[in-house]
Protein backbone atom coordinates (compact mmCIF):
# COMPACT_ATOMS: atom_id res chain seq x y z
CA MET A 1 5.50 -34.14 -0.88
CA SER A 2 6.15 -34.83 2.65
CA SER A 3 4.17 -32.94 5.16
CA VAL A 4 7.23 -32.34 7.35
CA THR A 5 8.67 -29.97 4.69
CA ARG A 6 5.46 -28.05 4.07
CA PHE A 7 4.70 -27.01 7.71
CA THR A 8 7.13 -24.20 9.34
CA ASP A 9 7.27 -21.40 11.66
CA ILE A 10 6.74 -18.04 10.60
CA ASP A 11 10.67 -17.36 10.14
CA GLY A 12 10.21 -20.47 7.23
CA ILE A 13 7.30 -18.59 5.76
CA MET A 14 9.53 -15.33 5.79
CA ASP A 15 12.46 -17.02 4.16
CA GLU A 16 10.30 -17.40 1.24
CA ILE A 17 9.95 -13.92 0.50
CA GLN A 18 12.81 -12.10 -0.85
CA ASP A 19 13.53 -8.12 -1.77
CA GLY A 20 12.00 -7.26 -4.91
CA ASP A 21 9.02 -9.87 -5.04
CA THR A 22 5.60 -9.25 -6.20
CA ILE A 23 3.19 -10.51 -3.67
CA ALA A 24 -0.49 -10.95 -4.10
CA ILE A 25 -2.44 -10.12 -1.11
CA PRO A 26 -6.37 -10.77 -0.62
CA THR A 27 -8.70 -7.81 0.45
CA MET A 28 -10.01 -8.02 4.30
CA LEU A 29 -13.72 -8.33 3.02
CA GLY A 30 -15.61 -11.33 2.84
CA ASP A 31 -16.98 -14.15 5.21
CA PHE A 32 -13.78 -13.92 6.93
CA SER A 33 -10.62 -11.99 6.71
CA ALA A 34 -7.93 -13.86 4.89
CA VAL A 35 -5.30 -11.28 5.39
CA ALA A 36 -2.00 -12.73 6.86
CA MET A 37 -1.31 -10.17 9.62
CA ASN A 38 1.33 -12.15 11.81
CA ALA A 39 3.14 -12.64 8.63
CA THR A 40 2.59 -9.09 7.15
CA ARG A 41 4.35 -7.78 11.04
CA ALA A 42 7.44 -10.58 10.12
CA ILE A 43 8.02 -8.83 6.91
CA VAL A 44 8.09 -5.46 8.24
CA ARG A 45 10.75 -7.07 11.53
CA ARG A 46 12.67 -8.87 8.62
CA GLY A 47 12.85 -5.22 6.80
CA ARG A 48 12.13 -6.61 3.34
CA ARG A 49 12.23 -4.14 0.88
CA GLY A 50 11.42 -3.09 -2.81
CA LEU A 51 8.15 -5.19 -2.48
CA HIS A 52 5.42 -5.09 -5.40
CA LEU A 53 1.91 -5.46 -3.78
CA VAL A 54 -1.11 -6.91 -6.18
CA CYS A 55 -3.96 -6.16 -3.98
CA VAL A 56 -7.12 -8.85 -5.09
CA PRO A 57 -8.66 -6.26 -5.48
CA SER A 58 -8.20 -3.80 -2.53
CA SER A 59 -6.37 -3.82 0.79
CA SER A 60 -6.65 -1.96 3.76
CA LEU A 61 -4.30 -2.53 7.22
CA GLN A 62 -2.04 -4.55 5.40
CA ALA A 63 -0.85 -2.57 2.83
CA ASP A 64 -0.49 0.57 4.92
CA MET A 65 2.06 -1.22 7.21
CA LEU A 66 3.81 -2.84 4.65
CA ILE A 67 4.13 0.83 3.14
CA GLY A 68 4.80 2.48 6.65
CA GLY A 69 7.58 0.17 7.14
CA GLY A 70 9.61 1.14 4.30
CA CYS A 71 9.09 -2.80 2.31
CA VAL A 72 6.83 -1.54 -0.61
CA ALA A 73 8.17 0.20 -4.17
CA SER A 74 5.09 -0.50 -6.19
CA ILE A 75 1.31 -1.09 -5.50
CA GLN A 76 -1.62 -2.32 -7.90
CA ALA A 77 -4.93 -1.94 -6.03
CA GLY A 78 -8.58 -0.86 -6.79
CA ALA A 79 -8.42 0.74 -3.41
CA VAL A 80 -6.51 1.27 -0.33
CA LEU A 81 -8.21 2.69 2.85
CA LEU A 82 -8.79 1.99 6.30
CA TYR A 83 -12.57 2.21 5.90
CA GLU A 84 -14.23 3.25 8.97
CA TYR A 85 -11.26 4.40 10.35
CA GLY A 86 -10.30 7.19 8.15
CA PRO A 87 -7.59 7.28 5.23
CA ALA A 88 -4.81 4.74 4.97
CA ARG A 89 -2.23 7.69 5.87
CA ARG A 90 1.11 5.72 5.08
CA PHE A 91 -0.10 4.86 1.67
CA ILE A 92 -1.27 8.44 1.16
CA GLU A 93 1.87 10.21 2.28
CA ARG A 94 4.29 7.87 0.20
CA PHE A 95 2.07 8.59 -2.89
CA HIS A 96 1.89 12.22 -2.77
CA ASP A 97 5.67 12.41 -2.16
CA GLY A 98 6.30 10.02 -5.23
CA SER A 99 8.24 7.48 -3.41
CA LEU A 100 5.35 4.81 -4.23
CA ILE A 101 4.40 3.78 -7.68
CA VAL A 102 0.69 3.40 -7.66
CA LYS A 103 -0.94 1.65 -10.20
CA GLU A 104 -4.59 2.32 -10.35
CA ALA A 105 -6.76 -0.60 -11.19
CA THR A 106 -10.11 -2.48 -11.02
CA CYS A 107 -11.50 -5.59 -9.18
CA PRO A 108 -12.22 -7.18 -13.17
CA ALA A 109 -8.85 -6.05 -14.45
CA ILE A 110 -6.84 -7.46 -11.45
CA GLN A 111 -8.98 -10.89 -11.55
CA ALA A 112 -8.42 -11.00 -15.64
CA GLY A 113 -4.39 -10.63 -14.99
CA LEU A 114 -4.34 -13.40 -12.56
CA THR A 115 -6.59 -15.65 -14.65
CA ALA A 116 -4.02 -15.09 -17.48
CA ALA A 117 -1.18 -16.14 -15.57
CA GLN A 118 -3.39 -18.92 -14.10
CA LYS A 119 -4.17 -20.21 -17.79
CA GLY A 120 -0.72 -19.42 -18.90
CA VAL A 121 -1.69 -16.99 -21.52
CA PRO A 122 0.14 -13.34 -22.03
CA PHE A 123 -3.11 -11.34 -21.74
CA MET A 124 -6.99 -11.64 -20.85
CA PRO A 125 -9.76 -9.53 -22.84
CA LEU A 126 -11.91 -7.81 -20.54
CA ARG A 127 -14.99 -5.19 -21.35
CA GLY A 128 -16.18 -2.10 -19.47
CA LEU A 129 -12.87 -0.12 -18.95
CA ILE A 130 -13.13 1.61 -22.54
CA GLY A 131 -14.06 5.52 -22.10
CA SER A 132 -13.15 5.54 -18.36
CA ASP A 133 -9.92 7.49 -16.67
CA VAL A 134 -8.47 4.19 -15.26
CA LEU A 135 -7.61 3.05 -18.79
CA ARG A 136 -6.44 6.29 -19.46
CA VAL A 137 -3.82 6.12 -16.55
CA ARG A 138 -2.95 2.43 -17.49
CA ALA A 139 -2.43 3.19 -20.91
CA GLU A 140 1.36 1.78 -21.33
CA ASP A 141 0.10 -1.38 -20.20
CA TRP A 142 -3.50 -1.83 -20.70
CA LYS A 143 -4.32 -1.94 -24.72
CA VAL A 144 -7.21 -1.50 -26.52
CA VAL A 145 -7.55 -3.70 -29.89
CA ASP A 146 -9.69 -4.69 -32.52
CA ASN A 147 -11.80 -7.75 -31.47
CA PRO A 148 -11.33 -10.47 -34.50
CA PHE A 149 -14.57 -11.70 -34.38
CA PRO A 150 -17.85 -10.00 -35.18
CA PRO A 151 -18.83 -7.27 -34.39
CA HIS A 152 -15.18 -6.46 -34.50
CA ASP A 153 -15.40 -3.79 -31.74
CA PRO A 154 -12.79 -2.57 -29.46
CA ILE A 155 -12.05 -4.23 -26.66
CA VAL A 156 -9.18 -3.87 -23.65
CA VAL A 157 -6.39 -6.72 -23.22
CA VAL A 158 -4.86 -6.53 -19.50
CA PRO A 159 -1.32 -8.38 -19.38
CA ALA A 160 -0.66 -11.57 -17.00
CA ILE A 161 -0.08 -10.82 -13.60
CA HIS A 162 2.37 -13.47 -12.31
CA PRO A 163 3.31 -12.70 -8.32
CA ASP A 164 6.18 -14.31 -6.98
CA VAL A 165 4.12 -15.27 -3.59
CA ALA A 166 0.45 -15.40 -2.78
CA LEU A 167 0.16 -14.69 0.65
CA PHE A 168 -2.90 -15.14 2.79
CA HIS A 169 -4.59 -16.46 6.07
CA ALA A 170 -6.79 -19.72 6.13
CA PRO A 171 -9.19 -21.21 8.75
CA MET A 172 -7.59 -24.71 8.43
CA VAL A 173 -4.97 -26.76 6.87
CA ASP A 174 -4.94 -30.68 7.25
CA GLU A 175 -2.29 -33.09 7.47
CA LEU A 176 -1.33 -33.19 4.10
CA GLY A 177 -1.07 -29.55 3.61
CA ASN A 178 -4.67 -29.21 1.96
CA VAL A 179 -6.06 -25.51 2.87
CA TRP A 180 -9.48 -25.15 3.37
CA ILE A 181 -10.43 -21.83 1.93
CA GLY A 182 -14.34 -22.30 1.70
CA ARG A 183 -16.05 -19.86 -0.84
CA ARG A 184 -13.24 -17.53 -1.23
CA GLY A 185 -12.61 -18.27 -4.92
CA SER A 186 -10.06 -15.44 -5.31
CA LEU A 187 -7.62 -17.13 -3.04
CA ARG A 188 -7.45 -20.00 -5.18
CA LEU A 189 -6.93 -17.75 -8.19
CA MET A 190 -4.00 -16.19 -6.51
CA ALA A 191 -2.57 -19.26 -5.54
CA HIS A 192 -2.85 -20.83 -8.93
CA ALA A 193 -1.35 -17.54 -10.75
CA ALA A 194 1.42 -17.31 -8.24
CA ARG A 195 4.92 -18.99 -8.10
CA LYS A 196 4.79 -19.82 -4.69
CA THR A 197 1.78 -19.78 -2.17
CA LEU A 198 2.38 -19.12 1.56
CA VAL A 199 -0.30 -19.76 3.91
CA THR A 200 -0.77 -19.21 7.67
CA PHE A 201 -3.84 -20.61 9.04
CA GLU A 202 -6.11 -20.88 12.26
CA ARG A 203 -6.30 -24.51 13.33
CA ARG A 204 -5.05 -28.04 12.00
CA TYR A 205 -7.34 -30.60 10.74
CA GLU A 206 -6.52 -34.14 11.55
CA GLY A 207 -6.69 -36.36 8.70
CA ASP A 208 -7.51 -35.92 4.94
CA MET A 209 -9.79 -33.04 3.97
CA PHE A 210 -10.36 -34.78 0.51
CA GLN A 211 -11.97 -37.66 2.49
CA ASP A 212 -14.93 -35.34 3.58
CA HIS A 213 -17.11 -34.82 0.56
CA THR A 214 -18.51 -31.65 2.52
CA LEU A 215 -15.23 -30.16 2.69
CA VAL A 216 -13.72 -30.86 -0.98
CA PRO A 217 -15.46 -27.92 -2.49
CA GLY A 218 -13.90 -25.43 -0.46
CA LEU A 219 -10.31 -26.87 -0.79
CA LEU A 220 -7.16 -25.58 -2.18
CA ALA A 221 -4.89 -29.14 -2.94
CA ALA A 222 -1.85 -29.30 -1.40
CA HIS A 223 0.25 -29.30 -4.63
CA SER A 224 -0.47 -25.57 -5.27
CA VAL A 225 0.72 -24.56 -1.83
CA THR A 226 4.51 -23.89 -1.00
CA ALA A 227 4.45 -23.87 2.67
CA VAL A 228 2.24 -23.33 5.95
CA SER A 229 2.49 -22.04 9.03
CA HIS A 230 0.17 -22.43 12.46
CA GLN A 231 -0.69 -18.77 13.47
CA PRO A 232 -3.71 -18.82 15.60
CA ARG A 233 -5.43 -15.36 15.63
CA GLY A 234 -3.06 -14.70 12.27
CA ALA A 235 -5.45 -12.47 10.94
CA TRP A 236 -5.46 -10.17 14.42
CA PRO A 237 -6.37 -7.34 14.82
CA LEU A 238 -8.90 -7.78 11.78
CA HIS A 239 -11.72 -10.15 11.64
CA PHE A 240 -11.93 -13.70 11.04
CA GLY A 241 -15.73 -14.68 10.25
CA ASP A 242 -17.35 -16.31 13.37
CA GLU A 243 -13.60 -17.14 15.29
CA TYR A 244 -13.01 -13.56 16.54
CA ALA A 245 -13.94 -9.84 15.74
CA GLU A 246 -11.88 -7.16 14.54
CA ASP A 247 -10.39 -5.52 17.45
CA VAL A 248 -11.82 -2.20 17.26
CA ALA A 249 -9.94 -0.31 19.92
CA HIS A 250 -6.48 -1.58 18.27
CA MET A 251 -7.64 -0.57 14.65
CA GLN A 252 -8.38 2.93 16.51
CA ILE A 253 -4.83 2.91 17.99
CA TYR A 254 -3.16 2.00 14.47
CA ALA A 255 -4.99 4.87 12.49
CA GLU A 256 -4.22 7.25 15.07
CA ALA A 257 -0.75 6.42 15.18
CA ALA A 258 -0.25 6.01 11.46
CA ARG A 259 -1.31 9.68 10.62
CA THR A 260 2.49 10.74 11.02
CA GLN A 261 5.52 8.56 10.38
CA ALA A 262 7.01 8.84 13.67
CA GLY A 263 3.63 7.96 15.03
CA PHE A 264 3.59 4.81 12.99
CA ASP A 265 7.32 4.14 13.90
CA ALA A 266 6.51 4.19 17.51
CA TYR A 267 3.69 2.03 16.89
CA VAL A 268 5.91 -0.67 15.19
CA GLU A 269 8.33 -0.49 18.15
CA ARG A 270 5.79 -1.31 20.67
CA TYR A 271 3.29 -4.04 18.47
CA VAL A 272 5.43 -5.20 15.83
CA ALA A 273 9.15 -5.21 16.51
CA ALA A 274 8.18 -8.16 18.76
CA ALA A 275 6.19 -10.84 17.75
CA ALA A 276 2.53 -9.63 18.53
CA THR A 277 0.83 -13.20 19.23
CA GLU A 278 0.37 -12.31 22.89
CA MET A 279 -0.97 -9.04 22.31
CA ALA A 280 -3.50 -10.41 20.19
CA ARG A 281 -5.01 -12.74 22.98
């Protein structure tokens, strides 16, 4: 595949996301935040509707912003919160008014569902859920079956999770479209489970990263990637490892604004309606 067709602008990334898509998004925790916030703001600007979020395994600002923007029909996650900035108010309000379908999950269950999709099997067995409330509320699609092997004890099976899109922000992409994700193995799992993988990235690597043996272990091969877009500071206002810190002041602005829908709408008008790249600098 030609690298010319793989590299695009943020609008090209948005063209790959359709109303009703199931989108896998990563947690902000880790050595770098892989959350594609430039793309998130673009989704809100595009007015995408009926999205189904699969958080791998939790989310924060990204999910709350998409929910507040009216983009989300359902969400599957272990947690949605703004951490030290308080509760995710847009998520909580939509949950309580019944306009958002919330599928409570756990990290191992989401990983198992994506692994099943990656391997092309309909479900994946999982221990540790039996007797829990989360299994009770997911009884419709998480099933307890008899282990066919000794000791023939009960075990839970969770269905495969097949995202239409895996969306994340990466540190580096080379000329061939290979993506360096370091030790964030969950990003590779998302990409292998999804029908499309859309990546924004910080900087471009001149050459082929597969020729550098120190980079190969952290690579996601280009054949697993649909489109990439160069978006410097594309995770802002979240942190990106040593490259830039979390914008604490802006996170506080968001948390205060998002306490009400009117405040959130005003935030969107100021920080999202136009591309926020310059605001991030």
